[in-house]
PDB file of N, CA and C in Angstrom:
ATOM      1  N   MET A   1       3.597  -0.354  17.757  1.00  0.00           N
ATOM      2  CA  MET A   1       2.242  -0.379  17.274  1.00  0.00           C
ATOM      3  C   MET A   1       2.041  -1.641  16.428  1.00  0.00           C
ATOM      4  N   ALA A   2       0.908  -2.268  16.583  1.00  0.00           N
ATOM      5  CA  ALA A   2       0.597  -3.493  15.841  1.00  0.00           C
ATOM      6  C   ALA A   2       0.297  -3.171  14.375  1.00  0.00           C
ATOM      7  N   GLU A   3       0.544  -4.133  13.516  1.00  0.00           N
ATOM      8  CA  GLU A   3       0.311  -3.951  12.081  1.00  0.00           C
ATOM      9  C   GLU A   3      -1.127  -3.536  11.789  1.00  0.00           C
ATOM     10  N   LYS A   4      -2.072  -4.149  12.474  1.00  0.00           N
ATOM     11  CA  LYS A   4      -3.485  -3.833  12.260  1.00  0.00           C
ATOM     12  C   LYS A   4      -3.770  -2.360  12.551  1.00  0.00           C
ATOM     13  N   GLU A   5      -3.167  -1.820  13.595  1.00  0.00           N
ATOM     14  CA  GLU A   5      -3.357  -0.407  13.942  1.00  0.00           C
ATOM     15  C   GLU A   5      -2.774   0.507  12.864  1.00  0.00           C
ATOM     16  N   ILE A   6      -1.617   0.141  12.346  1.00  0.00           N
ATOM     17  CA  ILE A   6      -0.988   0.935  11.283  1.00  0.00           C
ATOM     18  C   ILE A   6      -1.881   0.916  10.043  1.00  0.00           C
ATOM     19  N   VAL A   7      -2.368  -0.260   9.680  1.00  0.00           N
ATOM     20  CA  VAL A   7      -3.261  -0.395   8.521  1.00  0.00           C
ATOM     21  C   VAL A   7      -4.487   0.495   8.696  1.00  0.00           C
ATOM     22  N   ASN A   8      -5.104   0.454   9.865  1.00  0.00           N
ATOM     23  CA  ASN A   8      -6.310   1.248  10.110  1.00  0.00           C
ATOM     24  C   ASN A   8      -6.045   2.743   9.999  1.00  0.00           C
ATOM     25  N   LYS A   9      -4.912   3.211  10.511  1.00  0.00           N
ATOM     26  CA  LYS A   9      -4.562   4.632  10.414  1.00  0.00           C
ATOM     27  C   LYS A   9      -4.364   5.040   8.956  1.00  0.00           C
ATOM     28  N   ILE A  10      -3.676   4.195   8.205  1.00  0.00           N
ATOM     29  CA  ILE A  10      -3.434   4.493   6.792  1.00  0.00           C
ATOM     30  C   ILE A  10      -4.750   4.523   6.020  1.00  0.00           C
ATOM     31  N   LEU A  11      -5.612   3.541   6.243  1.00  0.00           N
ATOM     32  CA  LEU A  11      -6.899   3.502   5.550  1.00  0.00           C
ATOM     33  C   LEU A  11      -7.740   4.730   5.864  1.00  0.00           C
ATOM     34  N   LYS A  12      -7.780   5.118   7.121  1.00  0.00           N
ATOM     35  CA  LYS A  12      -8.544   6.309   7.521  1.00  0.00           C
ATOM     36  C   LYS A  12      -8.024   7.532   6.774  1.00  0.00           C
ATOM     37  N   TYR A  13      -6.727   7.677   6.713  1.00  0.00           N
ATOM     38  CA  TYR A  13      -6.112   8.800   6.005  1.00  0.00           C
ATOM     39  C   TYR A  13      -6.458   8.763   4.513  1.00  0.00           C
ATOM     40  N   LEU A  14      -6.267   7.611   3.879  1.00  0.00           N
ATOM     41  CA  LEU A  14      -6.508   7.494   2.441  1.00  0.00           C
ATOM     42  C   LEU A  14      -7.966   7.764   2.078  1.00  0.00           C
ATOM     43  N   LYS A  15      -8.879   7.324   2.917  1.00  0.00           N
ATOM     44  CA  LYS A  15     -10.304   7.497   2.627  1.00  0.00           C
ATOM     45  C   LYS A  15     -10.744   8.955   2.694  1.00  0.00           C
ATOM     46  N   ASP A  16      -9.932   9.808   3.307  1.00  0.00           N
ATOM     47  CA  ASP A  16     -10.242  11.235   3.383  1.00  0.00           C
ATOM     48  C   ASP A  16      -9.612  12.044   2.253  1.00  0.00           C
ATOM     49  N   ILE A  17      -8.823  11.400   1.409  1.00  0.00           N
ATOM     50  CA  ILE A  17      -8.159  12.103   0.308  1.00  0.00           C
ATOM     51  C   ILE A  17      -9.083  12.123  -0.910  1.00  0.00           C
ATOM     52  N   PRO A  18      -9.324  13.326  -1.481  1.00  0.00           N
ATOM     53  CA  PRO A  18     -10.110  13.375  -2.719  1.00  0.00           C
ATOM     54  C   PRO A  18      -9.387  12.599  -3.828  1.00  0.00           C
ATOM     55  N   MET A  19     -10.139  11.993  -4.691  1.00  0.00           N
ATOM     56  CA  MET A  19      -9.605  11.229  -5.832  1.00  0.00           C
ATOM     57  C   MET A  19      -8.766  10.029  -5.396  1.00  0.00           C
ATOM     58  N   CYS A  20      -9.139   9.430  -4.279  1.00  0.00           N
ATOM     59  CA  CYS A  20      -8.464   8.221  -3.807  1.00  0.00           C
ATOM     60  C   CYS A  20      -9.523   7.209  -3.381  1.00  0.00           C
ATOM     61  N   PHE A  21      -9.462   6.028  -3.954  1.00  0.00           N
ATOM     62  CA  PHE A  21     -10.351   4.932  -3.576  1.00  0.00           C
ATOM     63  C   PHE A  21      -9.472   3.790  -3.102  1.00  0.00           C
ATOM     64  N   CYS A  22      -9.734   3.286  -1.906  1.00  0.00           N
ATOM     65  CA  CYS A  22      -8.859   2.242  -1.364  1.00  0.00           C
ATOM     66  C   CYS A  22      -9.652   1.208  -0.575  1.00  0.00           C
ATOM     67  N   TRP A  23      -8.999   0.077  -0.357  1.00  0.00           N
ATOM     68  CA  TRP A  23      -9.582  -0.968   0.483  1.00  0.00           C
ATOM     69  C   TRP A  23      -8.487  -1.823   1.077  1.00  0.00           C
ATOM     70  N   LYS A  24      -8.860  -2.535   2.129  1.00  0.00           N
ATOM     71  CA  LYS A  24      -7.971  -3.496   2.788  1.00  0.00           C
ATOM     72  C   LYS A  24      -8.157  -4.828   2.096  1.00  0.00           C
ATOM     73  N   GLU A  25      -7.069  -5.379   1.615  1.00  0.00           N
ATOM     74  CA  GLU A  25      -7.104  -6.704   0.987  1.00  0.00           C
ATOM     75  C   GLU A  25      -6.978  -7.737   2.100  1.00  0.00           C
ATOM     76  N   HIS A  26      -7.933  -8.640   2.169  1.00  0.00           N
ATOM     77  CA  HIS A  26      -7.928  -9.638   3.238  1.00  0.00           C
ATOM     78  C   HIS A  26      -7.265 -10.920   2.770  1.00  0.00           C
ATOM     79  N   GLY A  27      -6.368 -11.417   3.585  1.00  0.00           N
ATOM     80  CA  GLY A  27      -5.692 -12.677   3.285  1.00  0.00           C
ATOM     81  C   GLY A  27      -6.552 -13.842   3.734  1.00  0.00           C
ATOM     82  N   GLY A  28      -5.914 -14.888   4.147  1.00  0.00           N
ATOM     83  CA  GLY A  28      -6.655 -16.050   4.612  1.00  0.00           C
ATOM     84  C   GLY A  28      -7.031 -16.972   3.473  1.00  0.00           C
ATOM     85  N   MET A  29      -7.921 -17.899   3.758  1.00  0.00           N
ATOM     86  CA  MET A  29      -8.232 -18.920   2.769  1.00  0.00           C
ATOM     87  C   MET A  29      -8.988 -18.385   1.557  1.00  0.00           C
ATOM     88  N   TYR A  30      -9.610 -17.211   1.659  1.00  0.00           N
ATOM     89  CA  TYR A  30     -10.350 -16.671   0.523  1.00  0.00           C
ATOM     90  C   TYR A  30      -9.574 -15.589  -0.222  1.00  0.00           C
ATOM     91  N   GLY A  31      -8.447 -15.173   0.310  1.00  0.00           N
ATOM     92  CA  GLY A  31      -7.637 -14.146  -0.337  1.00  0.00           C
ATOM     93  C   GLY A  31      -6.517 -14.765  -1.153  1.00  0.00           C
ATOM     94  N   THR A  32      -5.780 -13.908  -1.840  1.00  0.00           N
ATOM     95  CA  THR A  32      -4.635 -14.354  -2.618  1.00  0.00           C
ATOM     96  C   THR A  32      -3.372 -14.082  -1.822  1.00  0.00           C
ATOM     97  N   THR A  33      -2.584 -15.089  -1.585  1.00  0.00           N
ATOM     98  CA  THR A  33      -1.369 -14.960  -0.796  1.00  0.00           C
ATOM     99  C   THR A  33      -0.390 -14.009  -1.463  1.00  0.00           C
ATOM    100  N   GLY A  34       0.167 -13.103  -0.666  1.00  0.00           N
ATOM    101  CA  GLY A  34       1.187 -12.189  -1.156  1.00  0.00           C
ATOM    102  C   GLY A  34       0.679 -10.836  -1.608  1.00  0.00           C
ATOM    103  N   ILE A  35      -0.631 -10.709  -1.828  1.00  0.00           N
ATOM    104  CA  ILE A  35      -1.195  -9.435  -2.281  1.00  0.00           C
ATOM    105  C   ILE A  35      -1.026  -8.392  -1.171  1.00  0.00           C
ATOM    106  N   PRO A  36      -0.624  -7.151  -1.522  1.00  0.00           N
ATOM    107  CA  PRO A  36      -0.421  -6.115  -0.503  1.00  0.00           C
ATOM    108  C   PRO A  36      -1.671  -5.857   0.339  1.00  0.00           C
ATOM    109  N   ASP A  37      -1.450  -5.368   1.561  1.00  0.00           N
ATOM    110  CA  ASP A  37      -2.533  -5.121   2.515  1.00  0.00           C
ATOM    111  C   ASP A  37      -3.534  -4.080   2.034  1.00  0.00           C
ATOM    112  N   ILE A  38      -3.031  -3.003   1.435  1.00  0.00           N
ATOM    113  CA  ILE A  38      -3.892  -1.899   1.017  1.00  0.00           C
ATOM    114  C   ILE A  38      -3.716  -1.674  -0.481  1.00  0.00           C
ATOM    115  N   ILE A  39      -4.845  -1.653  -1.171  1.00  0.00           N
ATOM    116  CA  ILE A  39      -4.872  -1.404  -2.606  1.00  0.00           C
ATOM    117  C   ILE A  39      -5.620  -0.094  -2.817  1.00  0.00           C
ATOM    118  N   CYS A  40      -5.089   0.770  -3.680  1.00  0.00           N
ATOM    119  CA  CYS A  40      -5.839   1.993  -3.939  1.00  0.00           C
ATOM    120  C   CYS A  40      -5.633   2.511  -5.351  1.00  0.00           C
ATOM    121  N   CYS A  41      -6.619   3.265  -5.768  1.00  0.00           N
ATOM    122  CA  CYS A  41      -6.540   4.022  -7.002  1.00  0.00           C
ATOM    123  C   CYS A  41      -6.377   5.470  -6.552  1.00  0.00           C
ATOM    124  N   PHE A  42      -5.205   6.024  -6.799  1.00  0.00           N
ATOM    125  CA  PHE A  42      -4.884   7.380  -6.362  1.00  0.00           C
ATOM    126  C   PHE A  42      -4.715   8.260  -7.589  1.00  0.00           C
ATOM    127  N   ARG A  43      -5.684   9.160  -7.773  1.00  0.00           N
ATOM    128  CA  ARG A  43      -5.665  10.071  -8.930  1.00  0.00           C
ATOM    129  C   ARG A  43      -5.545   9.302 -10.253  1.00  0.00           C
ATOM    130  N   GLY A  44      -6.245   8.161 -10.295  1.00  0.00           N
ATOM    131  CA  GLY A  44      -6.286   7.377 -11.521  1.00  0.00           C
ATOM    132  C   GLY A  44      -5.159   6.381 -11.704  1.00  0.00           C
ATOM    133  N   HIS A  45      -4.333   6.210 -10.687  1.00  0.00           N
ATOM    134  CA  HIS A  45      -3.190   5.305 -10.794  1.00  0.00           C
ATOM    135  C   HIS A  45      -3.241   4.237  -9.701  1.00  0.00           C
ATOM    136  N   PHE A  46      -2.714   3.072 -10.027  1.00  0.00           N
ATOM    137  CA  PHE A  46      -2.696   1.940  -9.102  1.00  0.00           C
ATOM    138  C   PHE A  46      -1.537   2.069  -8.118  1.00  0.00           C
ATOM    139  N   VAL A  47      -1.879   2.054  -6.822  1.00  0.00           N
ATOM    140  CA  VAL A  47      -0.872   2.115  -5.758  1.00  0.00           C
ATOM    141  C   VAL A  47      -1.226   1.059  -4.717  1.00  0.00           C
ATOM    142  N   ALA A  48      -0.211   0.346  -4.236  1.00  0.00           N
ATOM    143  CA  ALA A  48      -0.433  -0.692  -3.230  1.00  0.00           C
ATOM    144  C   ALA A  48       0.587  -0.547  -2.106  1.00  0.00           C
ATOM    145  N   PHE A  49       0.134  -0.859  -0.892  1.00  0.00           N
ATOM    146  CA  PHE A  49       1.002  -0.774   0.277  1.00  0.00           C
ATOM    147  C   PHE A  49       0.982  -2.088   1.048  1.00  0.00           C
ATOM    148  N   GLU A  50       2.140  -2.648   1.272  1.00  0.00           N
ATOM    149  CA  GLU A  50       2.289  -3.794   2.175  1.00  0.00           C
ATOM    150  C   GLU A  50       2.738  -3.200   3.502  1.00  0.00           C
ATOM    151  N   VAL A  51       1.925  -3.362   4.515  1.00  0.00           N
ATOM    152  CA  VAL A  51       2.184  -2.748   5.822  1.00  0.00           C
ATOM    153  C   VAL A  51       2.880  -3.743   6.738  1.00  0.00           C
ATOM    154  N   LYS A  52       3.935  -3.272   7.363  1.00  0.00           N
ATOM    155  CA  LYS A  52       4.689  -4.074   8.326  1.00  0.00           C
ATOM    156  C   LYS A  52       4.999  -3.225   9.551  1.00  0.00           C
ATOM    157  N   THR A  53       5.271  -3.886  10.664  1.00  0.00           N
ATOM    158  CA  THR A  53       5.784  -3.174  11.830  1.00  0.00           C
ATOM    159  C   THR A  53       7.243  -2.839  11.545  1.00  0.00           C
ATOM    160  N   GLU A  54       7.862  -2.070  12.415  1.00  0.00           N
ATOM    161  CA  GLU A  54       9.269  -1.694  12.225  1.00  0.00           C
ATOM    162  C   GLU A  54      10.165  -2.923  12.038  1.00  0.00           C
ATOM    163  N   LYS A  55       9.843  -4.000  12.734  1.00  0.00           N
ATOM    164  CA  LYS A  55      10.667  -5.211  12.664  1.00  0.00           C
ATOM    165  C   LYS A  55      10.145  -6.230  11.655  1.00  0.00           C
ATOM    166  N   GLY A  56       9.004  -5.933  11.048  1.00  0.00           N
ATOM    167  CA  GLY A  56       8.385  -6.875  10.116  1.00  0.00           C
ATOM    168  C   GLY A  56       9.165  -7.022   8.824  1.00  0.00           C
ATOM    169  N   ARG A  57       9.124  -8.218   8.264  1.00  0.00           N
ATOM    170  CA  ARG A  57       9.821  -8.512   7.007  1.00  0.00           C
ATOM    171  C   ARG A  57       8.825  -9.026   5.983  1.00  0.00           C
ATOM    172  N   LEU A  58       9.107  -8.726   4.732  1.00  0.00           N
ATOM    173  CA  LEU A  58       8.279  -9.239   3.648  1.00  0.00           C
ATOM    174  C   LEU A  58       8.533 -10.731   3.461  1.00  0.00           C
ATOM    175  N   THR A  59       7.469 -11.465   3.147  1.00  0.00           N
ATOM    176  CA  THR A  59       7.649 -12.854   2.742  1.00  0.00           C
ATOM    177  C   THR A  59       8.109 -12.850   1.284  1.00  0.00           C
ATOM    178  N   LYS A  60       8.551 -13.975   0.804  1.00  0.00           N
ATOM    179  CA  LYS A  60       8.972 -14.088  -0.594  1.00  0.00           C
ATOM    180  C   LYS A  60       7.807 -13.756  -1.525  1.00  0.00           C
ATOM    181  N   LEU A  61       6.623 -14.271  -1.219  1.00  0.00           N
ATOM    182  CA  LEU A  61       5.454 -14.004  -2.058  1.00  0.00           C
ATOM    183  C   LEU A  61       5.096 -12.521  -2.069  1.00  0.00           C
ATOM    184  N   GLN A  62       5.229 -11.855  -0.926  1.00  0.00           N
ATOM    185  CA  GLN A  62       4.954 -10.421  -0.859  1.00  0.00           C
ATOM    186  C   GLN A  62       5.960  -9.636  -1.694  1.00  0.00           C
ATOM    187  N   SER A  63       7.223 -10.000  -1.598  1.00  0.00           N
ATOM    188  CA  SER A  63       8.263  -9.333  -2.397  1.00  0.00           C
ATOM    189  C   SER A  63       7.990  -9.493  -3.887  1.00  0.00           C
ATOM    190  N   VAL A  64       7.624 -10.699  -4.285  1.00  0.00           N
ATOM    191  CA  VAL A  64       7.327 -10.970  -5.692  1.00  0.00           C
ATOM    192  C   VAL A  64       6.120 -10.147  -6.151  1.00  0.00           C
ATOM    193  N   ALA A  65       5.085 -10.069  -5.320  1.00  0.00           N
ATOM    194  CA  ALA A  65       3.892  -9.293  -5.680  1.00  0.00           C
ATOM    195  C   ALA A  65       4.241  -7.819  -5.873  1.00  0.00           C
ATOM    196  N   LEU A  66       5.042  -7.250  -4.974  1.00  0.00           N
ATOM    197  CA  LEU A  66       5.440  -5.845  -5.107  1.00  0.00           C
ATOM    198  C   LEU A  66       6.238  -5.638  -6.395  1.00  0.00           C
ATOM    199  N   GLU A  67       7.144  -6.556  -6.684  1.00  0.00           N
ATOM    200  CA  GLU A  67       7.949  -6.469  -7.912  1.00  0.00           C
ATOM    201  C   GLU A  67       7.062  -6.534  -9.159  1.00  0.00           C
ATOM    202  N   LYS A  68       6.085  -7.429  -9.162  1.00  0.00           N
ATOM    203  CA  LYS A  68       5.202  -7.580 -10.324  1.00  0.00           C
ATOM    204  C   LYS A  68       4.334  -6.344 -10.534  1.00  0.00           C
ATOM    205  N   ILE A  69       3.846  -5.763  -9.445  1.00  0.00           N
ATOM    206  CA  ILE A  69       3.038  -4.540  -9.551  1.00  0.00           C
ATOM    207  C   ILE A  69       3.877  -3.419 -10.154  1.00  0.00           C
ATOM    208  N   ASN A  70       5.088  -3.249  -9.646  1.00  0.00           N
ATOM    209  CA  ASN A  70       5.968  -2.197 -10.166  1.00  0.00           C
ATOM    210  C   ASN A  70       6.338  -2.452 -11.626  1.00  0.00           C
ATOM    211  N   ALA A  71       6.583  -3.704 -11.982  1.00  0.00           N
ATOM    212  CA  ALA A  71       6.928  -4.048 -13.363  1.00  0.00           C
ATOM    213  C   ALA A  71       5.759  -3.795 -14.322  1.00  0.00           C
ATOM    214  N   ALA A  72       4.537  -3.886 -13.799  1.00  0.00           N
ATOM    215  CA  ALA A  72       3.342  -3.674 -14.620  1.00  0.00           C
ATOM    216  C   ALA A  72       2.970  -2.197 -14.742  1.00  0.00           C
ATOM    217  N   GLY A  73       3.738  -1.322 -14.097  1.00  0.00           N
ATOM    218  CA  GLY A  73       3.474   0.110 -14.204  1.00  0.00           C
ATOM    219  C   GLY A  73       2.746   0.713 -13.030  1.00  0.00           C
ATOM    220  N   GLY A  74       2.374  -0.112 -12.053  1.00  0.00           N
ATOM    221  CA  GLY A  74       1.784   0.409 -10.828  1.00  0.00           C
ATOM    222  C   GLY A  74       2.886   0.817  -9.872  1.00  0.00           C
ATOM    223  N   LYS A  75       2.498   1.216  -8.686  1.00  0.00           N
ATOM    224  CA  LYS A  75       3.459   1.563  -7.640  1.00  0.00           C
ATOM    225  C   LYS A  75       3.111   0.735  -6.414  1.00  0.00           C
ATOM    226  N   ALA A  76       4.097   0.029  -5.880  1.00  0.00           N
ATOM    227  CA  ALA A  76       3.879  -0.816  -4.705  1.00  0.00           C
ATOM    228  C   ALA A  76       5.017  -0.599  -3.725  1.00  0.00           C
ATOM    229  N   TYR A  77       4.660  -0.503  -2.448  1.00  0.00           N
ATOM    230  CA  TYR A  77       5.632  -0.158  -1.420  1.00  0.00           C
ATOM    231  C   TYR A  77       5.431  -0.982  -0.155  1.00  0.00           C
ATOM    232  N   LYS A  78       6.524  -1.229   0.539  1.00  0.00           N
ATOM    233  CA  LYS A  78       6.473  -1.732   1.915  1.00  0.00           C
ATOM    234  C   LYS A  78       6.542  -0.491   2.797  1.00  0.00           C
ATOM    235  N   VAL A  79       5.577  -0.337   3.704  1.00  0.00           N
ATOM    236  CA  VAL A  79       5.553   0.819   4.595  1.00  0.00           C
ATOM    237  C   VAL A  79       5.403   0.373   6.043  1.00  0.00           C
ATOM    238  N   THR A  80       5.880   1.226   6.943  1.00  0.00           N
ATOM    239  CA  THR A  80       5.783   0.918   8.368  1.00  0.00           C
ATOM    240  C   THR A  80       5.028   1.984   9.150  1.00  0.00           C
ATOM    241  N   SER A  81       4.566   3.033   8.453  1.00  0.00           N
ATOM    242  CA  SER A  81       3.869   4.106   9.169  1.00  0.00           C
ATOM    243  C   SER A  81       3.018   4.940   8.221  1.00  0.00           C
ATOM    244  N   LEU A  82       2.103   5.679   8.811  1.00  0.00           N
ATOM    245  CA  LEU A  82       1.295   6.626   8.056  1.00  0.00           C
ATOM    246  C   LEU A  82       2.177   7.718   7.461  1.00  0.00           C
ATOM    247  N   ASP A  83       3.188   8.149   8.199  1.00  0.00           N
ATOM    248  CA  ASP A  83       4.090   9.190   7.687  1.00  0.00           C
ATOM    249  C   ASP A  83       4.763   8.760   6.386  1.00  0.00           C
ATOM    250  N   GLU A  84       5.138   7.493   6.289  1.00  0.00           N
ATOM    251  CA  GLU A  84       5.740   6.991   5.045  1.00  0.00           C
ATOM    252  C   GLU A  84       4.754   7.089   3.887  1.00  0.00           C
ATOM    253  N   VAL A  85       3.509   6.729   4.139  1.00  0.00           N
ATOM    254  CA  VAL A  85       2.481   6.793   3.096  1.00  0.00           C
ATOM    255  C   VAL A  85       2.283   8.238   2.651  1.00  0.00           C
ATOM    256  N   ARG A  86       2.201   9.155   3.608  1.00  0.00           N
ATOM    257  CA  ARG A  86       2.059  10.581   3.265  1.00  0.00           C
ATOM    258  C   ARG A  86       3.205  11.040   2.366  1.00  0.00           C
ATOM    259  N   ALA A  87       4.424  10.672   2.732  1.00  0.00           N
ATOM    260  CA  ALA A  87       5.604  11.080   1.958  1.00  0.00           C
ATOM    261  C   ALA A  87       5.576  10.478   0.551  1.00  0.00           C
ATOM    262  N   ILE A  88       5.186   9.222   0.445  1.00  0.00           N
ATOM    263  CA  ILE A  88       5.109   8.558  -0.864  1.00  0.00           C
ATOM    264  C   ILE A  88       4.088   9.255  -1.756  1.00  0.00           C
ATOM    265  N   LEU A  89       2.898   9.520  -1.214  1.00  0.00           N
ATOM    266  CA  LEU A  89       1.859  10.158  -2.021  1.00  0.00           C
ATOM    267  C   LEU A  89       2.248  11.579  -2.412  1.00  0.00           C
ATOM    268  N   LYS A  90       2.893  12.292  -1.516  1.00  0.00           N
ATOM    269  CA  LYS A  90       3.363  13.643  -1.833  1.00  0.00           C
ATOM    270  C   LYS A  90       4.370  13.578  -2.980  1.00  0.00           C
ATOM    271  N   ASN A  91       5.275  12.625  -2.899  1.00  0.00           N
ATOM    272  CA  ASN A  91       6.269  12.451  -3.960  1.00  0.00           C
ATOM    273  C   ASN A  91       5.601  12.091  -5.289  1.00  0.00           C
ATOM    274  N   LEU A  92       4.612  11.218  -5.253  1.00  0.00           N
ATOM    275  CA  LEU A  92       3.908  10.838  -6.480  1.00  0.00           C
ATOM    276  C   LEU A  92       3.175  12.030  -7.088  1.00  0.00           C
ATOM    277  N   GLU A  93       2.592  12.872  -6.242  1.00  0.00           N
ATOM    278  CA  GLU A  93       1.902  14.063  -6.737  1.00  0.00           C
ATOM    279  C   GLU A  93       2.872  15.029  -7.413  1.00  0.00           C
ATOM    280  N   GLU A  94       4.085  15.093  -6.887  1.00  0.00           N
ATOM    281  CA  GLU A  94       5.074  16.046  -7.398  1.00  0.00           C
ATOM    282  C   GLU A  94       5.813  15.547  -8.639  1.00  0.00           C
ATOM    283  N   CYS A  95       5.801  14.254  -8.872  1.00  0.00           N
ATOM    284  CA  CYS A  95       6.522  13.724 -10.036  1.00  0.00           C
ATOM    285  C   CYS A  95       5.601  13.661 -11.246  1.00  0.00           C
ATOM    286  N   GLU A  96       6.145  13.357 -12.365  1.00  0.00           N
ATOM    287  CA  GLU A  96       5.370  13.315 -13.604  1.00  0.00           C
ATOM    288  C   GLU A  96       4.431  12.119 -13.674  1.00  0.00           C
ATOM    289  N   TRP A  97       4.603  11.154 -12.784  1.00  0.00           N
ATOM    290  CA  TRP A  97       3.769   9.949 -12.819  1.00  0.00           C
ATOM    291  C   TRP A  97       2.303  10.283 -12.602  1.00  0.00           C
ATOM    292  N   ILE A  98       2.018  11.268 -11.755  1.00  0.00           N
ATOM    293  CA  ILE A  98       0.623  11.634 -11.453  1.00  0.00           C
ATOM    294  C   ILE A  98       0.170  12.742 -12.380  1.00  0.00           C
TER     295      ILE A  98
END
């Protein structure tokens, strides 16, 4: 499955969750390089997802962005499927962070 298809499935899922606001961050000349593909506020907390295919790898800038988000108290993840996102959000709901 192409990265764009994975992103679209994840966005559709996130937009149906109560207390979740999300958007697709667009790269290119008007975007900021390295920023994760999907940014969301989930139950009042900052969560970001960098979407890759199974064989996709993070760039150095993407890795740094994920590290900085996590260091700032947000949660940032590299994901390859909607199932991964579901599992991450379920885990966040069950832990004390949420």
